């Protein structure tokens, strides 16, 4: 490349715009076909060579003057791409706390070296899954810190022996989390999923709800069916309220994912997905042999979503808040969400 070309103002402007567009595409949840080739790099997509999720995290140290901190760089300087994920050894809470010294009470984190450009709330519906929770916390805290996000992790815990209702618990989580902060993004996260690539940015799409877990090992890194919206998803508070949140009436069926996909469409939106090259997740304690013998099937819905979505959701949410406790690694919200109605 000639020196005159480098010094050409038009060329430098083009180069700056090109880099800005590339970073924007990453933050929008995946590249278009035009830019797909730029992500087919050894570092970002070679899953045969993975890195520890805590790699270089110690480079983020406390700024000497918090009042004069700059904004975080548009792209984190410590991204490595594919991460080493294993569930063989169960991490203790004490060990997780020690490895994440900047995480504050309630699972709250702000970058110590810069001002975060984005605020994300991680909402996890939960019921008696302590082993899964420890694995998730071990990986998700450094994963989010690598992205220089300001974030908080909320555990929404259902009490009693009643049937699990993930969708209603997430509605509760949204309502409670928005009391703390004007979050830019709500990440709805299953407790048994761990992301495999730190370029999978936990930020929302500006225009539409985003499905993050577009390639889970449970489904051989493909979608089980076209409208699938389960696992991990990202919605702005505006998206969530526009579709009236999630349904409150799905008890243990798993069919709420189809209801949600329909709600998104009825609310005048569409689902965008993280590129499957980036949206890879590992599922904990997945029994591959059982899954091979009995393929996963799309749950049968007994709900008429088109008639019920405006009346069943955030505007009809009822629950009893039993406790709200700040733990070192998360905020625990314990609720009584009622019971399964007869003939539901």
Protein backbone atom coordinates (compact mmCIF):
# COMPACT_ATOMS: atom_id res chain seq x y z
CA UNK A 1 0.00 0.00 0.00
CA UNK A 2 1.47 3.34 -1.01
CA UNK A 3 2.11 6.11 1.49
CA UNK A 4 0.01 8.55 -0.51
CA UNK A 5 -2.98 6.23 -0.28
CA UNK A 6 -2.66 5.94 3.49
CA UNK A 7 -2.48 9.72 3.85
CA UNK A 8 -5.51 10.24 1.60
CA UNK A 9 -8.31 11.69 3.83
CA UNK A 10 -11.02 9.94 1.82
CA UNK A 11 -9.33 6.57 2.26
CA UNK A 12 -8.91 7.11 6.01
CA UNK A 13 -12.56 8.10 6.30
CA UNK A 14 -13.59 4.98 4.40
CA UNK A 15 -11.46 2.83 6.68
CA UNK A 16 -12.97 4.39 9.81
CA UNK A 17 -16.55 3.94 8.55
CA UNK A 18 -15.85 0.35 7.56
CA UNK A 19 -14.52 -0.51 11.02
CA UNK A 20 -17.46 1.21 12.71
CA UNK A 21 -19.95 -0.74 10.60
CA UNK A 22 -18.18 -4.00 11.40
CA UNK A 23 -18.35 -3.37 15.15
CA UNK A 24 -22.01 -2.33 14.87
CA UNK A 25 -22.85 -5.57 13.08
CA UNK A 26 -21.26 -7.57 15.87
CA UNK A 27 -23.34 -5.70 18.44
CA UNK A 28 -26.50 -6.31 16.42
CA UNK A 29 -26.13 -10.03 17.03
CA UNK A 30 -24.31 -11.37 14.03
CA UNK A 31 -23.07 -10.45 10.61
CA UNK A 32 -24.99 -10.34 7.38
CA UNK A 33 -23.93 -12.58 4.52
CA UNK A 34 -21.83 -9.76 3.13
CA UNK A 35 -19.66 -9.66 6.26
CA UNK A 36 -19.85 -13.35 7.20
CA UNK A 37 -16.40 -14.01 5.81
CA UNK A 38 -14.72 -11.58 8.19
CA UNK A 39 -15.81 -13.70 11.15
CA UNK A 40 -14.51 -16.93 9.63
CA UNK A 41 -11.20 -16.19 11.27
CA UNK A 42 -9.06 -18.58 13.25
CA UNK A 43 -9.41 -16.68 16.50
CA UNK A 44 -13.16 -16.10 16.50
CA UNK A 45 -14.57 -19.35 15.11
CA UNK A 46 -12.04 -22.15 15.56
CA UNK A 47 -13.75 -24.22 18.26
CA UNK A 48 -10.99 -26.81 18.21
CA UNK A 49 -8.82 -24.28 20.10
CA UNK A 50 -10.57 -22.80 23.10
CA UNK A 51 -9.53 -20.44 25.88
CA UNK A 52 -10.22 -20.17 29.59
CA UNK A 53 -13.05 -17.72 30.29
CA UNK A 54 -10.87 -15.94 32.87
CA UNK A 55 -8.05 -15.31 30.34
CA UNK A 56 -6.66 -11.76 30.69
CA UNK A 57 -9.54 -10.75 32.95
CA UNK A 58 -7.01 -9.55 35.54
CA UNK A 59 -6.01 -6.81 33.07
CA UNK A 60 -9.15 -4.96 34.13
CA UNK A 61 -7.96 -3.15 37.25
CA UNK A 62 -9.40 -0.30 39.28
CA UNK A 63 -8.95 3.11 37.66
CA UNK A 64 -7.04 5.53 39.90
CA UNK A 65 -9.62 8.26 39.40
CA UNK A 66 -13.20 7.03 39.04
CA UNK A 67 -14.55 10.51 38.27
CA UNK A 68 -12.29 10.83 35.22
CA UNK A 69 -12.83 7.35 33.82
CA UNK A 70 -13.19 7.16 30.02
CA UNK A 71 -15.94 5.23 28.28
CA UNK A 72 -15.13 1.60 27.56
CA UNK A 73 -13.80 0.82 24.10
CA UNK A 74 -16.45 -0.13 21.52
CA UNK A 75 -14.95 -3.62 21.36
CA UNK A 76 -13.38 -5.29 24.36
CA UNK A 77 -9.59 -5.67 24.12
CA UNK A 78 -9.58 -9.13 25.74
CA UNK A 79 -11.92 -11.08 23.45
CA UNK A 80 -10.59 -14.53 22.56
CA UNK A 81 -13.58 -16.15 20.82
CA UNK A 82 -14.26 -19.82 21.66
CA UNK A 83 -14.16 -20.67 25.36
CA UNK A 84 -13.31 -23.86 27.22
CA UNK A 85 -16.51 -25.13 28.88
CA UNK A 86 -16.57 -28.22 31.07
CA UNK A 87 -18.91 -29.40 33.82
CA UNK A 88 -16.73 -32.15 35.29
CA UNK A 89 -15.77 -30.25 38.47
CA UNK A 90 -18.41 -28.40 40.48
CA UNK A 91 -17.06 -24.95 41.49
CA UNK A 92 -17.75 -23.76 45.02
CA UNK A 93 -19.35 -20.41 45.74
CA UNK A 94 -16.23 -19.31 47.62
CA UNK A 95 -14.04 -20.05 44.62
CA UNK A 96 -16.34 -18.18 42.22
CA UNK A 97 -16.35 -15.14 44.53
CA UNK A 98 -12.55 -15.20 44.76
CA UNK A 99 -12.16 -15.31 40.96
CA UNK A 100 -14.54 -12.35 40.50
CA UNK A 101 -13.27 -9.68 42.92
CA UNK A 102 -15.11 -6.77 41.26
CA UNK A 103 -18.57 -8.35 41.48
CA UNK A 104 -20.53 -6.49 44.14
CA UNK A 105 -23.32 -7.64 46.44
CA UNK A 106 -26.39 -8.75 44.52
CA UNK A 107 -24.32 -9.96 41.55
CA UNK A 108 -23.81 -6.39 40.34
CA UNK A 109 -20.80 -5.45 38.25
CA UNK A 110 -19.51 -2.26 36.66
CA UNK A 111 -16.20 -2.21 34.80
CA UNK A 112 -13.53 -0.90 37.21
CA UNK A 113 -11.45 0.69 34.45
CA UNK A 114 -14.03 2.44 32.25
CA UNK A 115 -17.65 3.57 31.98
CA UNK A 116 -19.82 0.85 30.49
CA UNK A 117 -21.65 1.69 27.29
CA UNK A 118 -24.42 -0.82 27.99
CA UNK A 119 -26.48 -2.11 30.95
CA UNK A 120 -27.88 -5.66 30.89
CA UNK A 121 -29.97 -7.55 33.44
CA UNK A 122 -29.58 -11.34 33.44
CA UNK A 123 -32.81 -13.05 34.57
CA UNK A 124 -32.73 -16.73 35.51
CA UNK A 125 -35.91 -18.64 36.37
CA UNK A 126 -34.96 -21.17 39.01
CA UNK A 127 -36.21 -24.06 41.11
CA UNK A 128 -33.91 -26.42 43.04
CA UNK A 129 -31.05 -26.49 40.49
CA UNK A 130 -28.07 -25.59 42.67
CA UNK A 131 -25.53 -27.65 40.70
CA UNK A 132 -26.50 -25.95 37.44
CA UNK A 133 -26.46 -22.56 39.13
CA UNK A 134 -22.87 -22.93 40.34
CA UNK A 135 -21.65 -23.84 36.87
CA UNK A 136 -23.55 -20.96 35.30
CA UNK A 137 -22.22 -18.40 37.79
CA UNK A 138 -18.67 -19.64 37.33
CA UNK A 139 -18.82 -18.99 33.57
CA UNK A 140 -21.32 -16.17 33.13
CA UNK A 141 -19.67 -13.62 35.44
CA UNK A 142 -16.30 -13.54 33.63
CA UNK A 143 -18.08 -13.90 30.27
CA UNK A 144 -20.03 -10.68 30.89
CA UNK A 145 -17.01 -8.87 32.32
CA UNK A 146 -15.03 -9.68 29.18
CA UNK A 147 -17.65 -7.68 27.26
CA UNK A 148 -17.21 -4.62 29.51
CA UNK A 149 -20.89 -4.55 30.41
CA UNK A 150 -22.57 -3.12 33.45
CA UNK A 151 -24.81 -5.96 34.60
CA UNK A 152 -26.67 -7.63 37.42
CA UNK A 153 -27.78 -11.26 37.79
CA UNK A 154 -31.25 -12.00 39.15
CA UNK A 155 -32.38 -15.43 40.30
CA UNK A 156 -36.17 -15.73 40.37
CA UNK A 157 -36.96 -18.67 42.60
CA UNK A 158 -40.29 -20.49 42.74
CA UNK A 159 -41.27 -21.88 46.12
CA UNK A 160 -43.34 -24.93 46.89
CA UNK A 161 -43.76 -28.24 45.12
CA UNK A 162 -45.96 -26.92 42.33
CA UNK A 163 -45.24 -27.34 38.63
CA UNK A 164 -42.49 -25.08 37.31
CA UNK A 165 -43.66 -22.00 35.43
CA UNK A 166 -40.64 -20.46 33.67
CA UNK A 167 -42.54 -17.80 31.75
CA UNK A 168 -44.34 -16.37 34.78
CA UNK A 169 -41.12 -16.32 36.80
CA UNK A 170 -39.45 -14.31 34.04
CA UNK A 171 -42.34 -11.82 34.11
CA UNK A 172 -41.71 -11.43 37.84
CA UNK A 173 -37.99 -10.99 37.18
CA UNK A 174 -38.59 -8.23 34.64
CA UNK A 175 -40.87 -6.33 36.99
CA UNK A 176 -38.46 -6.58 39.92
CA UNK A 177 -35.29 -5.84 37.91
CA UNK A 178 -36.78 -2.66 36.44
CA UNK A 179 -37.24 -1.36 39.97
CA UNK A 180 -33.44 -1.24 40.31
CA UNK A 181 -32.27 0.20 37.03
CA UNK A 182 -33.36 1.48 33.65
CA UNK A 183 -31.81 -1.53 31.92
CA UNK A 184 -30.90 -1.34 28.24
CA UNK A 185 -31.44 -5.06 27.81
CA UNK A 186 -33.19 -7.96 29.56
CA UNK A 187 -31.39 -11.29 29.06
CA UNK A 188 -33.73 -14.22 29.77
CA UNK A 189 -31.39 -17.09 30.56
CA UNK A 190 -31.96 -20.78 31.27
CA UNK A 191 -29.88 -21.95 34.22
CA UNK A 192 -28.45 -24.96 32.37
CA UNK A 193 -26.94 -23.10 29.37
CA UNK A 194 -23.42 -21.66 29.06
CA UNK A 195 -22.25 -19.57 26.07
CA UNK A 196 -19.18 -20.84 24.18
CA UNK A 197 -17.93 -17.65 22.49
CA UNK A 198 -17.25 -14.26 24.09
CA UNK A 199 -18.10 -12.50 20.81
CA UNK A 200 -21.72 -13.49 21.50
CA UNK A 201 -22.60 -10.07 22.88
CA UNK A 202 -25.17 -9.89 25.67
CA UNK A 203 -26.80 -6.76 24.30
CA UNK A 204 -30.17 -6.26 22.63
CA UNK A 205 -31.03 -5.65 19.03
CA UNK A 206 -32.32 -2.10 18.71
CA UNK A 207 -35.41 -3.05 16.73
CA UNK A 208 -36.48 -6.62 17.51
CA UNK A 209 -36.30 -9.37 20.16
CA UNK A 210 -33.13 -11.41 19.70
CA UNK A 211 -32.74 -15.14 20.13
CA UNK A 212 -29.25 -15.73 21.48
CA UNK A 213 -29.05 -19.54 21.78
CA UNK A 214 -29.20 -20.20 18.05
CA UNK A 215 -26.88 -23.23 18.15
CA UNK A 216 -27.12 -25.50 21.22
CA UNK A 217 -25.13 -28.71 21.43
CA UNK A 218 -28.35 -30.42 22.59
CA UNK A 219 -29.72 -29.94 19.08
CA UNK A 220 -26.42 -30.63 17.26
CA UNK A 221 -25.90 -26.85 16.98
CA UNK A 222 -29.04 -26.31 14.89
CA UNK A 223 -32.50 -25.00 15.73
CA UNK A 224 -35.02 -27.73 16.67
CA UNK A 225 -37.62 -25.86 14.61
CA UNK A 226 -37.89 -22.54 12.82
CA UNK A 227 -39.80 -20.48 15.45
CA UNK A 228 -37.83 -21.75 18.47
CA UNK A 229 -37.19 -18.96 21.00
CA UNK A 230 -35.98 -20.94 24.01
CA UNK A 231 -32.77 -21.07 26.02
CA UNK A 232 -31.44 -17.50 26.00
CA UNK A 233 -33.12 -14.44 24.53
CA UNK A 234 -32.58 -10.68 24.68
CA UNK A 235 -35.33 -8.07 24.70
CA UNK A 236 -35.37 -4.39 25.53
CA UNK A 237 -37.94 -3.35 28.16
CA UNK A 238 -39.86 -1.73 25.29
CA UNK A 239 -39.95 -5.02 23.35
CA UNK A 240 -41.09 -6.87 26.45
CA UNK A 241 -43.97 -4.54 27.24
CA UNK A 242 -45.02 -4.25 23.60
CA UNK A 243 -45.71 -8.00 23.49
CA UNK A 244 -47.23 -7.94 26.99
CA UNK A 245 -44.39 -10.02 28.33
CA UNK A 246 -44.60 -13.79 28.55
CA UNK A 247 -47.76 -15.83 29.23
CA UNK A 248 -48.50 -16.65 32.87
CA UNK A 249 -50.52 -19.79 32.12
CA UNK A 250 -47.90 -22.33 30.99
CA UNK A 251 -47.16 -24.80 33.76
CA UNK A 252 -44.35 -27.23 33.04
CA UNK A 253 -45.16 -27.76 29.35
CA UNK A 254 -42.31 -25.89 27.65
CA UNK A 255 -44.83 -24.69 25.07
CA UNK A 256 -44.43 -21.06 26.15
CA UNK A 257 -41.64 -20.64 23.61
CA UNK A 258 -44.11 -21.03 20.75
CA UNK A 259 -46.52 -18.64 22.45
CA UNK A 260 -43.74 -16.06 22.78
CA UNK A 261 -42.73 -16.38 19.14
CA UNK A 262 -46.35 -15.81 18.14
CA UNK A 263 -46.64 -12.82 20.48
CA UNK A 264 -43.61 -11.20 18.87
CA UNK A 265 -45.26 -11.49 15.46
CA UNK A 266 -48.66 -10.26 16.69
CA UNK A 267 -46.99 -7.24 18.30
CA UNK A 268 -45.60 -6.22 14.90
CA UNK A 269 -42.06 -7.44 15.48
CA UNK A 270 -39.92 -10.33 14.30
CA UNK A 271 -37.25 -12.56 15.78
CA UNK A 272 -33.62 -11.85 14.94
CA UNK A 273 -30.99 -14.44 15.79
CA UNK A 274 -27.37 -14.38 16.74
CA UNK A 275 -25.29 -16.01 14.02
CA UNK A 276 -25.05 -19.77 14.74
CA UNK A 277 -21.26 -19.42 14.49
CA UNK A 278 -21.39 -17.20 17.57
CA UNK A 279 -24.59 -18.26 19.34
CA UNK A 280 -23.23 -21.62 20.47
CA UNK A 281 -24.19 -22.96 23.91
CA UNK A 282 -23.43 -26.04 25.94
CA UNK A 283 -26.23 -27.67 27.90
CA UNK A 284 -25.34 -29.09 31.29
CA UNK A 285 -25.56 -32.82 31.99
CA UNK A 286 -27.05 -33.51 28.62
CA UNK A 287 -27.69 -37.23 28.06
CA UNK A 288 -26.75 -37.69 24.41
CA UNK A 289 -27.71 -41.36 24.30
CA UNK A 290 -31.26 -40.70 25.47
CA UNK A 291 -31.64 -37.83 23.04
CA UNK A 292 -30.46 -39.97 20.13
CA UNK A 293 -33.02 -42.64 20.90
CA UNK A 294 -35.88 -40.19 21.39
CA UNK A 295 -35.51 -37.00 19.31
CA UNK A 296 -36.64 -33.73 20.85
CA UNK A 297 -40.12 -32.73 19.72
CA UNK A 298 -41.89 -29.43 19.49
CA UNK A 299 -44.28 -29.14 22.50
CA UNK A 300 -47.99 -29.19 21.74
CA UNK A 301 -49.69 -25.94 22.62
CA UNK A 302 -53.19 -25.91 24.10
CA UNK A 303 -53.45 -22.12 24.13
CA UNK A 304 -55.03 -19.81 21.59
CA UNK A 305 -52.33 -17.16 21.69
CA UNK A 306 -53.99 -14.87 19.17
CA UNK A 307 -56.95 -14.46 21.52
CA UNK A 308 -55.13 -14.43 24.85
CA UNK A 309 -51.86 -12.51 24.39
CA UNK A 310 -53.30 -9.08 25.19
CA UNK A 311 -54.91 -10.32 28.40
CA UNK A 312 -52.38 -12.87 29.66
CA UNK A 313 -49.00 -11.39 30.49
CA UNK A 314 -47.48 -8.44 32.33
CA UNK A 315 -50.86 -6.74 32.63
CA UNK A 316 -52.34 -9.75 34.45
CA UNK A 317 -49.29 -10.76 36.52
CA UNK A 318 -50.06 -11.71 40.12
CA UNK A 319 -47.56 -13.08 42.61
CA UNK A 320 -46.52 -12.85 46.25
CA UNK A 321 -42.99 -11.56 46.84
CA UNK A 322 -41.65 -13.58 49.76
CA UNK A 323 -38.09 -12.27 49.90
CA UNK A 324 -35.52 -10.28 47.99
CA UNK A 325 -31.97 -10.98 49.13
CA UNK A 326 -28.60 -9.82 47.85
CA UNK A 327 -26.13 -12.68 47.69
CA UNK A 328 -22.47 -12.17 46.73
CA UNK A 329 -23.02 -13.43 43.17
CA UNK A 330 -26.70 -12.71 42.46
CA UNK A 331 -29.90 -11.16 43.75
CA UNK A 332 -32.35 -13.83 44.88
CA UNK A 333 -36.04 -13.09 44.40
CA UNK A 334 -38.24 -15.72 46.03
CA UNK A 335 -41.89 -15.73 44.99
CA UNK A 336 -45.12 -17.61 45.36
CA UNK A 337 -46.66 -17.65 41.89
CA UNK A 338 -49.67 -19.76 42.77
CA UNK A 339 -50.51 -23.23 41.53
CA UNK A 340 -51.63 -25.09 38.45
CA UNK A 341 -55.32 -24.34 37.88
CA UNK A 342 -57.58 -27.38 37.36
CA UNK A 343 -57.77 -28.61 33.75
CA UNK A 344 -54.93 -26.27 32.65
